[in-house]
Amino acid sequence: MDVYQAFFSLKPGTKDLDFVADLTRMMDHLVESKKIEGWRLLRSKLGLTPTKALGGEFQLLIETRNMAQLDAAFAIAAKRSGEMEVMQFGVNSKIEDITFARYRDFHDPVRQTGEELF
């Protein structure tokens, strides 16, 4: 499983529950259309967050089977039209200071041992 991560804060004056409603609408749409496997939204607790290193009090985790599935999700977003554009605007207009990362489960299921050169 690949995990695409976004670390961010909400823009001043943004109501957290309004943001969550918009994000849920967009992420659930991507799950239902099989463009992602799942997602989670995390928020720092008691101000315990490495904001200077990662940027933000929120962390969004998006799970995909592989890079091809993530690319298919990006292809929908890249069209910048229709229902997805409206959903993206509802999310993107409420966030700032965003940083991205991508991780995967380790070790990869395709990994072989014994032939490594390093």
N, C-alpha and C. Protein backbone atom coordinates (compact mmCIF):
# COMPACT_ATOMS: atom_id res chain seq x y z
N MET A 1 0.85 -1.17 0.00
CA MET A 1 0.00 0.00 0.00
C MET A 1 0.90 1.24 0.00
N ASP A 2 0.60 2.18 -0.87
CA ASP A 2 1.29 3.46 -0.89
C ASP A 2 0.47 4.47 -0.09
N VAL A 3 1.13 5.35 0.62
CA VAL A 3 0.46 6.38 1.40
C VAL A 3 0.96 7.73 0.94
N TYR A 4 0.06 8.53 0.43
CA TYR A 4 0.35 9.89 0.01
C TYR A 4 -0.07 10.78 1.16
N GLN A 5 0.85 11.62 1.63
CA GLN A 5 0.58 12.43 2.81
C GLN A 5 0.60 13.91 2.46
N ALA A 6 -0.28 14.65 3.11
CA ALA A 6 -0.28 16.10 3.02
C ALA A 6 -0.34 16.66 4.43
N PHE A 7 0.59 17.56 4.74
CA PHE A 7 0.64 18.23 6.03
C PHE A 7 0.26 19.68 5.77
N PHE A 8 -0.68 20.23 6.55
CA PHE A 8 -1.16 21.58 6.27
C PHE A 8 -1.85 22.18 7.48
N SER A 9 -2.13 23.47 7.36
CA SER A 9 -2.95 24.19 8.34
C SER A 9 -4.15 24.76 7.62
N LEU A 10 -5.16 25.10 8.38
CA LEU A 10 -6.32 25.78 7.80
C LEU A 10 -6.05 27.28 7.76
N LYS A 11 -6.58 27.93 6.76
CA LYS A 11 -6.45 29.38 6.68
C LYS A 11 -7.18 30.03 7.86
N PRO A 12 -6.67 31.15 8.34
CA PRO A 12 -7.34 31.84 9.46
C PRO A 12 -8.81 32.10 9.13
N GLY A 13 -9.66 31.87 10.12
CA GLY A 13 -11.08 32.11 9.96
C GLY A 13 -11.85 30.92 9.39
N THR A 14 -11.14 29.86 8.98
CA THR A 14 -11.80 28.67 8.44
C THR A 14 -12.33 27.82 9.58
N LYS A 15 -13.57 27.43 9.48
CA LYS A 15 -14.17 26.56 10.49
C LYS A 15 -13.75 25.12 10.19
N ASP A 16 -13.19 24.46 11.19
CA ASP A 16 -12.66 23.12 10.99
C ASP A 16 -13.71 22.13 10.50
N LEU A 17 -14.92 22.20 11.01
CA LEU A 17 -15.95 21.25 10.59
C LEU A 17 -16.45 21.52 9.17
N ASP A 18 -16.41 22.78 8.72
CA ASP A 18 -16.73 23.08 7.32
C ASP A 18 -15.69 22.45 6.40
N PHE A 19 -14.42 22.58 6.78
CA PHE A 19 -13.35 21.96 6.00
C PHE A 19 -13.52 20.45 5.95
N VAL A 20 -13.78 19.83 7.10
CA VAL A 20 -13.92 18.37 7.15
C VAL A 20 -15.07 17.90 6.26
N ALA A 21 -16.17 18.64 6.23
CA ALA A 21 -17.30 18.26 5.38
C ALA A 21 -16.89 18.29 3.91
N ASP A 22 -16.16 19.33 3.50
CA ASP A 22 -15.72 19.42 2.10
C ASP A 22 -14.71 18.34 1.76
N LEU A 23 -13.77 18.08 2.67
CA LEU A 23 -12.77 17.05 2.43
C LEU A 23 -13.41 15.67 2.35
N THR A 24 -14.34 15.39 3.26
CA THR A 24 -15.03 14.10 3.26
C THR A 24 -15.76 13.87 1.95
N ARG A 25 -16.43 14.88 1.45
CA ARG A 25 -17.15 14.76 0.18
C ARG A 25 -16.19 14.38 -0.95
N MET A 26 -15.04 15.05 -1.01
CA MET A 26 -14.08 14.78 -2.08
C MET A 26 -13.41 13.42 -1.92
N MET A 27 -12.95 13.10 -0.73
CA MET A 27 -12.25 11.83 -0.52
C MET A 27 -13.18 10.64 -0.69
N ASP A 28 -14.41 10.75 -0.17
CA ASP A 28 -15.36 9.64 -0.35
C ASP A 28 -15.70 9.45 -1.82
N HIS A 29 -15.76 10.51 -2.60
CA HIS A 29 -15.98 10.40 -4.04
C HIS A 29 -14.84 9.61 -4.69
N LEU A 30 -13.61 9.89 -4.28
CA LEU A 30 -12.46 9.17 -4.84
C LEU A 30 -12.46 7.70 -4.43
N VAL A 31 -12.89 7.40 -3.21
CA VAL A 31 -12.99 6.00 -2.78
C VAL A 31 -14.08 5.29 -3.58
N GLU A 32 -15.25 5.91 -3.68
CA GLU A 32 -16.37 5.29 -4.41
C GLU A 32 -16.05 5.05 -5.87
N SER A 33 -15.25 5.93 -6.47
CA SER A 33 -14.87 5.76 -7.88
C SER A 33 -13.62 4.89 -8.03
N LYS A 34 -13.17 4.29 -6.91
CA LYS A 34 -12.03 3.36 -6.89
C LYS A 34 -10.71 4.00 -7.30
N LYS A 35 -10.60 5.33 -7.13
CA LYS A 35 -9.36 6.02 -7.45
C LYS A 35 -8.38 6.00 -6.29
N ILE A 36 -8.89 5.79 -5.08
CA ILE A 36 -8.05 5.58 -3.91
C ILE A 36 -8.67 4.46 -3.09
N GLU A 37 -7.88 3.87 -2.20
CA GLU A 37 -8.38 2.78 -1.36
C GLU A 37 -9.01 3.29 -0.07
N GLY A 38 -8.46 4.36 0.46
CA GLY A 38 -8.98 4.90 1.71
C GLY A 38 -8.23 6.17 2.09
N TRP A 39 -8.68 6.78 3.19
CA TRP A 39 -8.05 8.01 3.64
C TRP A 39 -8.34 8.23 5.12
N ARG A 40 -7.49 9.06 5.73
CA ARG A 40 -7.67 9.46 7.13
C ARG A 40 -7.23 10.90 7.27
N LEU A 41 -7.88 11.61 8.15
CA LEU A 41 -7.47 12.96 8.49
C LEU A 41 -7.06 12.96 9.96
N LEU A 42 -5.86 13.44 10.22
CA LEU A 42 -5.34 13.52 11.58
C LEU A 42 -5.12 14.98 11.95
N ARG A 43 -5.30 15.29 13.22
CA ARG A 43 -5.05 16.64 13.71
C ARG A 43 -4.16 16.54 14.95
N SER A 44 -3.21 17.44 15.03
CA SER A 44 -2.31 17.40 16.18
C SER A 44 -3.12 17.59 17.46
N LYS A 45 -2.64 17.00 18.50
CA LYS A 45 -3.32 17.07 19.78
C LYS A 45 -2.44 17.82 20.77
N LEU A 46 -3.03 18.73 21.48
CA LEU A 46 -2.34 19.51 22.50
C LEU A 46 -1.17 20.30 21.92
N GLY A 47 -1.25 20.62 20.63
CA GLY A 47 -0.18 21.39 20.00
C GLY A 47 1.10 20.60 19.78
N LEU A 48 1.04 19.30 19.95
CA LEU A 48 2.24 18.45 19.79
C LEU A 48 2.40 18.06 18.33
N THR A 49 3.12 18.89 17.60
CA THR A 49 3.34 18.64 16.18
C THR A 49 4.66 19.26 15.76
N PRO A 50 5.36 18.60 14.86
CA PRO A 50 6.60 19.19 14.35
C PRO A 50 6.29 20.16 13.21
N THR A 51 5.54 21.21 13.48
CA THR A 51 5.07 22.11 12.43
C THR A 51 6.20 22.75 11.64
N LYS A 52 7.29 23.06 12.27
CA LYS A 52 8.38 23.69 11.53
C LYS A 52 8.97 22.72 10.51
N ALA A 53 9.03 21.45 10.86
CA ALA A 53 9.60 20.45 9.95
C ALA A 53 8.60 20.02 8.88
N LEU A 54 7.34 19.84 9.27
CA LEU A 54 6.36 19.28 8.34
C LEU A 54 5.32 20.28 7.88
N GLY A 55 5.08 21.30 8.64
CA GLY A 55 4.13 22.32 8.23
C GLY A 55 2.68 21.96 8.44
N GLY A 56 2.12 22.32 9.56
CA GLY A 56 0.69 22.20 9.73
C GLY A 56 0.23 21.41 10.92
N GLU A 57 -1.01 21.69 11.32
CA GLU A 57 -1.59 20.95 12.43
C GLU A 57 -2.42 19.77 11.95
N PHE A 58 -2.65 19.66 10.64
CA PHE A 58 -3.41 18.55 10.06
C PHE A 58 -2.50 17.68 9.21
N GLN A 59 -2.87 16.41 9.13
CA GLN A 59 -2.20 15.47 8.24
C GLN A 59 -3.27 14.64 7.54
N LEU A 60 -3.22 14.63 6.23
CA LEU A 60 -4.14 13.82 5.42
C LEU A 60 -3.36 12.64 4.89
N LEU A 61 -3.87 11.44 5.12
CA LEU A 61 -3.27 10.21 4.61
C LEU A 61 -4.19 9.65 3.53
N ILE A 62 -3.66 9.44 2.34
CA ILE A 62 -4.43 8.88 1.23
C ILE A 62 -3.77 7.57 0.83
N GLU A 63 -4.51 6.47 0.92
CA GLU A 63 -3.96 5.15 0.62
C GLU A 63 -4.33 4.72 -0.80
N THR A 64 -3.31 4.24 -1.52
CA THR A 64 -3.53 3.70 -2.87
C THR A 64 -2.82 2.35 -2.97
N ARG A 65 -3.30 1.50 -3.88
CA ARG A 65 -2.66 0.21 -4.10
C ARG A 65 -1.24 0.36 -4.63
N ASN A 66 -1.07 1.37 -5.48
CA ASN A 66 0.23 1.55 -6.15
C ASN A 66 0.27 2.94 -6.78
N MET A 67 1.37 3.24 -7.42
CA MET A 67 1.55 4.54 -8.04
C MET A 67 0.57 4.76 -9.20
N ALA A 68 0.22 3.71 -9.91
CA ALA A 68 -0.72 3.83 -11.03
C ALA A 68 -2.09 4.29 -10.54
N GLN A 69 -2.55 3.78 -9.41
CA GLN A 69 -3.84 4.21 -8.88
C GLN A 69 -3.78 5.67 -8.44
N LEU A 70 -2.67 6.07 -7.81
CA LEU A 70 -2.52 7.47 -7.42
C LEU A 70 -2.50 8.37 -8.65
N ASP A 71 -1.83 7.93 -9.71
CA ASP A 71 -1.78 8.70 -10.95
C ASP A 71 -3.19 8.85 -11.54
N ALA A 72 -4.02 7.81 -11.45
CA ALA A 72 -5.40 7.90 -11.95
C ALA A 72 -6.21 8.91 -11.14
N ALA A 73 -5.96 8.97 -9.84
CA ALA A 73 -6.65 9.97 -9.00
C ALA A 73 -6.20 11.37 -9.39
N PHE A 74 -4.91 11.55 -9.62
CA PHE A 74 -4.40 12.85 -10.05
C PHE A 74 -4.96 13.25 -11.40
N ALA A 75 -5.15 12.27 -12.28
CA ALA A 75 -5.69 12.58 -13.61
C ALA A 75 -7.09 13.19 -13.52
N ILE A 76 -7.89 12.71 -12.58
CA ILE A 76 -9.22 13.27 -12.38
C ILE A 76 -9.10 14.71 -11.89
N ALA A 77 -8.21 14.92 -10.93
CA ALA A 77 -8.04 16.26 -10.37
C ALA A 77 -7.44 17.23 -11.39
N ALA A 78 -6.57 16.73 -12.26
CA ALA A 78 -5.88 17.59 -13.23
C ALA A 78 -6.82 18.14 -14.30
N LYS A 79 -7.96 17.55 -14.48
CA LYS A 79 -8.91 18.05 -15.49
C LYS A 79 -9.40 19.45 -15.16
N ARG A 80 -9.45 19.77 -13.87
CA ARG A 80 -9.88 21.10 -13.41
C ARG A 80 -11.25 21.50 -13.94
N SER A 81 -12.17 20.54 -13.92
CA SER A 81 -13.52 20.83 -14.40
C SER A 81 -14.52 19.94 -13.67
N GLY A 82 -15.78 20.29 -13.83
CA GLY A 82 -16.86 19.47 -13.32
C GLY A 82 -16.95 19.41 -11.81
N GLU A 83 -17.56 18.34 -11.34
CA GLU A 83 -17.82 18.15 -9.91
C GLU A 83 -16.52 18.09 -9.10
N MET A 84 -15.49 17.45 -9.64
CA MET A 84 -14.23 17.35 -8.91
C MET A 84 -13.60 18.73 -8.69
N GLU A 85 -13.70 19.62 -9.67
CA GLU A 85 -13.14 20.97 -9.51
C GLU A 85 -13.86 21.71 -8.38
N VAL A 86 -15.17 21.56 -8.31
CA VAL A 86 -15.94 22.20 -7.24
C VAL A 86 -15.51 21.64 -5.88
N MET A 87 -15.34 20.32 -5.81
CA MET A 87 -14.92 19.70 -4.55
C MET A 87 -13.51 20.14 -4.17
N GLN A 88 -12.61 20.18 -5.15
CA GLN A 88 -11.24 20.62 -4.88
C GLN A 88 -11.20 22.06 -4.38
N PHE A 89 -11.99 22.91 -4.99
CA PHE A 89 -12.02 24.30 -4.55
C PHE A 89 -12.48 24.39 -3.10
N GLY A 90 -13.48 23.58 -2.73
CA GLY A 90 -13.98 23.58 -1.36
C GLY A 90 -12.91 23.20 -0.36
N VAL A 91 -11.96 22.37 -0.77
CA VAL A 91 -10.87 21.95 0.10
C VAL A 91 -9.69 22.91 -0.01
N ASN A 92 -9.21 23.12 -1.21
CA ASN A 92 -7.98 23.91 -1.42
C ASN A 92 -8.11 25.36 -0.98
N SER A 93 -9.30 25.91 -1.05
CA SER A 93 -9.48 27.31 -0.66
C SER A 93 -9.43 27.50 0.85
N LYS A 94 -9.39 26.41 1.61
CA LYS A 94 -9.41 26.49 3.06
C LYS A 94 -8.08 26.14 3.71
N ILE A 95 -7.07 25.74 2.92
CA ILE A 95 -5.81 25.29 3.51
C ILE A 95 -4.64 26.18 3.09
N GLU A 96 -3.56 26.09 3.89
CA GLU A 96 -2.33 26.83 3.58
C GLU A 96 -1.14 26.06 4.13
N ASP A 97 0.03 26.50 3.74
CA ASP A 97 1.28 25.90 4.23
C ASP A 97 1.29 24.39 4.06
N ILE A 98 1.09 23.92 2.84
CA ILE A 98 0.98 22.49 2.60
C ILE A 98 2.32 21.90 2.15
N THR A 99 2.60 20.71 2.67
CA THR A 99 3.78 19.94 2.32
C THR A 99 3.31 18.52 2.02
N PHE A 100 3.93 17.88 1.03
CA PHE A 100 3.52 16.54 0.61
C PHE A 100 4.64 15.52 0.82
N ALA A 101 4.24 14.26 0.98
CA ALA A 101 5.19 13.15 1.08
C ALA A 101 4.49 11.90 0.54
N ARG A 102 5.27 10.91 0.21
CA ARG A 102 4.73 9.63 -0.24
C ARG A 102 5.55 8.51 0.37
N TYR A 103 4.87 7.59 1.03
CA TYR A 103 5.51 6.45 1.65
C TYR A 103 4.84 5.18 1.16
N ARG A 104 5.44 4.06 1.44
CA ARG A 104 4.84 2.77 1.08
C ARG A 104 5.08 1.78 2.22
N ASP A 105 4.26 0.75 2.23
CA ASP A 105 4.49 -0.32 3.20
C ASP A 105 5.86 -0.93 2.91
N PHE A 106 6.54 -1.32 3.95
CA PHE A 106 7.85 -1.94 3.76
C PHE A 106 7.84 -3.29 4.44
N HIS A 107 8.27 -4.23 3.81
CA HIS A 107 8.96 -4.31 2.54
C HIS A 107 7.97 -4.57 1.41
N ASP A 108 8.36 -4.19 0.22
CA ASP A 108 7.49 -4.37 -0.94
C ASP A 108 7.20 -5.85 -1.17
N PRO A 109 5.96 -6.19 -1.54
CA PRO A 109 5.64 -7.60 -1.78
C PRO A 109 6.43 -8.21 -2.94
N VAL A 110 6.94 -7.38 -3.83
CA VAL A 110 7.70 -7.90 -4.98
C VAL A 110 9.19 -8.06 -4.67
N ARG A 111 9.60 -7.65 -3.49
CA ARG A 111 11.02 -7.67 -3.12
C ARG A 111 11.57 -9.09 -3.09
N GLN A 112 12.72 -9.27 -3.71
CA GLN A 112 13.44 -10.54 -3.68
C GLN A 112 14.72 -10.34 -2.88
N THR A 113 15.23 -11.39 -2.32
CA THR A 113 16.49 -11.28 -1.60
C THR A 113 17.50 -12.25 -2.18
N GLY A 114 18.76 -11.92 -1.97
CA GLY A 114 19.83 -12.80 -2.42
C GLY A 114 20.57 -12.31 -3.65
N GLU A 115 19.99 -11.38 -4.40
CA GLU A 115 20.64 -10.91 -5.62
C GLU A 115 21.02 -9.43 -5.54
N GLU A 116 20.85 -8.83 -4.37
CA GLU A 116 21.15 -7.41 -4.20
C GLU A 116 22.64 -7.15 -4.39
N LEU A 117 22.97 -6.05 -5.04
CA LEU A 117 24.37 -5.67 -5.23
C LEU A 117 24.83 -4.67 -4.18
N PHE A 118 23.89 -4.11 -3.43
CA PHE A 118 24.27 -3.21 -2.35
C PHE A 118 23.30 -3.34 -1.21
